[in-house]
């Protein structure tokens, strides 16, 4: 019996790594939403997803709530473009 475990779609949820998750971290470390470190962390996180896909652990990788500038930044540096950009919309 072969048991294959594979995630079909892994979505990188939010382009700002710390601001939404833990405001105390932002306060303690003095981070701002536009902090340049956010850009580096986003790319490092995306590289990890690309590696997971290359290893066969994930079939597709995508993003969620990325703005046009976030997407442009990612597309300029990525090896694998996002398969999806999930956005929240309230009609």
C-alpha atoms as a PDB file:
ATOM      1  CA  UNK A   1       0.000   0.000   0.000  1.00  0.00           C
ATOM      2  CA  UNK A   2       1.382   3.374  -1.011  1.00  0.00           C
ATOM      3  CA  UNK A   3       0.324   6.311   1.078  1.00  0.00           C
ATOM      4  CA  UNK A   4       1.113   9.575  -0.679  1.00  0.00           C
ATOM      5  CA  UNK A   5       0.699  12.798   1.214  1.00  0.00           C
ATOM      6  CA  UNK A   6       0.632  15.950  -0.847  1.00  0.00           C
ATOM      7  CA  UNK A   7      -0.864  19.357  -0.256  1.00  0.00           C
ATOM      8  CA  UNK A   8      -2.697  20.466  -3.394  1.00  0.00           C
ATOM      9  CA  UNK A   9      -2.468  24.221  -2.775  1.00  0.00           C
ATOM     10  CA  UNK A  10      -0.432  26.038  -0.141  1.00  0.00           C
ATOM     11  CA  UNK A  11      -1.301  29.720   0.179  1.00  0.00           C
ATOM     12  CA  UNK A  12       1.019  32.313   1.755  1.00  0.00           C
ATOM     13  CA  UNK A  13      -1.635  34.149   3.719  1.00  0.00           C
ATOM     14  CA  UNK A  14      -0.544  37.716   4.330  1.00  0.00           C
ATOM     15  CA  UNK A  15       2.264  39.798   2.777  1.00  0.00           C
ATOM     16  CA  UNK A  16       3.274  41.526   6.004  1.00  0.00           C
ATOM     17  CA  UNK A  17       4.837  38.892   8.248  1.00  0.00           C
ATOM     18  CA  UNK A  18       4.370  40.454  11.632  1.00  0.00           C
ATOM     19  CA  UNK A  19       1.951  43.355  11.693  1.00  0.00           C
ATOM     20  CA  UNK A  20      -1.283  41.396  11.638  1.00  0.00           C
ATOM     21  CA  UNK A  21      -0.093  38.428  13.624  1.00  0.00           C
ATOM     22  CA  UNK A  22       1.397  40.109  16.655  1.00  0.00           C
ATOM     23  CA  UNK A  23       1.146  43.844  17.243  1.00  0.00           C
ATOM     24  CA  UNK A  24       3.269  43.435  20.389  1.00  0.00           C
ATOM     25  CA  UNK A  25       6.139  42.199  18.222  1.00  0.00           C
ATOM     26  CA  UNK A  26       5.778  45.307  16.096  1.00  0.00           C
ATOM     27  CA  UNK A  27       5.726  47.537  19.162  1.00  0.00           C
ATOM     28  CA  UNK A  28       8.728  45.847  20.784  1.00  0.00           C
ATOM     29  CA  UNK A  29      10.863  45.693  17.650  1.00  0.00           C
ATOM     30  CA  UNK A  30       9.788  49.025  16.219  1.00  0.00           C
ATOM     31  CA  UNK A  31       8.674  47.524  12.905  1.00  0.00           C
ATOM     32  CA  UNK A  32       6.451  49.411  10.497  1.00  0.00           C
ATOM     33  CA  UNK A  33       4.207  48.029   7.753  1.00  0.00           C
ATOM     34  CA  UNK A  34       6.536  49.483   5.121  1.00  0.00           C
ATOM     35  CA  UNK A  35       9.697  48.183   6.793  1.00  0.00           C
ATOM     36  CA  UNK A  36      12.258  46.865   4.283  1.00  0.00           C
ATOM     37  CA  UNK A  37      12.714  43.748   6.410  1.00  0.00           C
ATOM     38  CA  UNK A  38       9.173  42.737   5.434  1.00  0.00           C
ATOM     39  CA  UNK A  39      10.281  42.477   1.815  1.00  0.00           C
ATOM     40  CA  UNK A  40      13.173  40.171   2.702  1.00  0.00           C
ATOM     41  CA  UNK A  41      10.969  38.006   4.914  1.00  0.00           C
ATOM     42  CA  UNK A  42       8.320  37.732   2.179  1.00  0.00           C
ATOM     43  CA  UNK A  43      10.900  36.540  -0.328  1.00  0.00           C
ATOM     44  CA  UNK A  44      12.484  34.123   2.152  1.00  0.00           C
ATOM     45  CA  UNK A  45       9.042  32.688   2.923  1.00  0.00           C
ATOM     46  CA  UNK A  46       8.247  32.346  -0.779  1.00  0.00           C
ATOM     47  CA  UNK A  47      11.566  30.554  -1.373  1.00  0.00           C
ATOM     48  CA  UNK A  48      10.559  28.014   1.290  1.00  0.00           C
ATOM     49  CA  UNK A  49       7.307  27.390  -0.578  1.00  0.00           C
ATOM     50  CA  UNK A  50       9.197  26.994  -3.858  1.00  0.00           C
ATOM     51  CA  UNK A  51      11.497  24.466  -2.171  1.00  0.00           C
ATOM     52  CA  UNK A  52       8.502  22.547  -0.782  1.00  0.00           C
ATOM     53  CA  UNK A  53       6.996  22.405  -4.268  1.00  0.00           C
ATOM     54  CA  UNK A  54      10.299  21.267  -5.789  1.00  0.00           C
ATOM     55  CA  UNK A  55      10.481  18.497  -3.154  1.00  0.00           C
ATOM     56  CA  UNK A  56       7.023  17.295  -4.191  1.00  0.00           C
ATOM     57  CA  UNK A  57       5.370  18.207  -0.884  1.00  0.00           C
ATOM     58  CA  UNK A  58       3.069  20.798  -2.466  1.00  0.00           C
ATOM     59  CA  UNK A  59       1.483  20.739  -5.910  1.00  0.00           C
ATOM     60  CA  UNK A  60       0.761  24.459  -6.250  1.00  0.00           C
ATOM     61  CA  UNK A  61       1.728  27.560  -4.282  1.00  0.00           C
ATOM     62  CA  UNK A  62      -0.092  30.847  -4.108  1.00  0.00           C
ATOM     63  CA  UNK A  63      -0.576  34.035  -2.148  1.00  0.00           C
ATOM     64  CA  UNK A  64      -3.425  35.758  -0.370  1.00  0.00           C
ATOM     65  CA  UNK A  65      -4.117  39.466   0.049  1.00  0.00           C
ATOM     66  CA  UNK A  66      -1.027  40.551  -1.876  1.00  0.00           C
ATOM     67  CA  UNK A  67      -1.323  43.997  -3.424  1.00  0.00           C
ATOM     68  CA  UNK A  68      -0.037  44.867  -6.902  1.00  0.00           C
ATOM     69  CA  UNK A  69       3.299  46.180  -5.486  1.00  0.00           C
ATOM     70  CA  UNK A  70       3.701  42.975  -3.429  1.00  0.00           C
ATOM     71  CA  UNK A  71       3.031  40.853  -6.519  1.00  0.00           C
ATOM     72  CA  UNK A  72       5.437  42.851  -8.685  1.00  0.00           C
ATOM     73  CA  UNK A  73       8.153  42.497  -6.065  1.00  0.00           C
ATOM     74  CA  UNK A  74       7.559  38.752  -5.809  1.00  0.00           C
ATOM     75  CA  UNK A  75       7.385  38.182  -9.574  1.00  0.00           C
ATOM     76  CA  UNK A  76      10.682  40.021 -10.062  1.00  0.00           C
ATOM     77  CA  UNK A  77      12.500  37.627  -7.737  1.00  0.00           C
ATOM     78  CA  UNK A  78      10.655  34.301  -7.736  1.00  0.00           C
ATOM     79  CA  UNK A  79      11.537  31.064  -9.503  1.00  0.00           C
ATOM     80  CA  UNK A  80       7.907  29.900  -9.511  1.00  0.00           C
ATOM     81  CA  UNK A  81       5.109  32.454  -9.908  1.00  0.00           C
ATOM     82  CA  UNK A  82       2.062  32.188  -7.633  1.00  0.00           C
ATOM     83  CA  UNK A  83      -0.662  29.956  -9.043  1.00  0.00           C
ATOM     84  CA  UNK A  84      -3.323  32.059  -7.317  1.00  0.00           C
ATOM     85  CA  UNK A  85      -3.824  35.344  -5.461  1.00  0.00           C
ATOM     86  CA  UNK A  86      -6.769  34.839  -3.140  1.00  0.00           C
ATOM     87  CA  UNK A  87      -8.459  38.119  -2.238  1.00  0.00           C
ATOM     88  CA  UNK A  88     -11.306  38.946   0.105  1.00  0.00           C
ATOM     89  CA  UNK A  89     -14.227  40.775  -1.456  1.00  0.00           C
ATOM     90  CA  UNK A  90     -17.474  41.937   0.076  1.00  0.00           C
ATOM     91  CA  UNK A  91     -20.053  43.035  -2.518  1.00  0.00           C
END
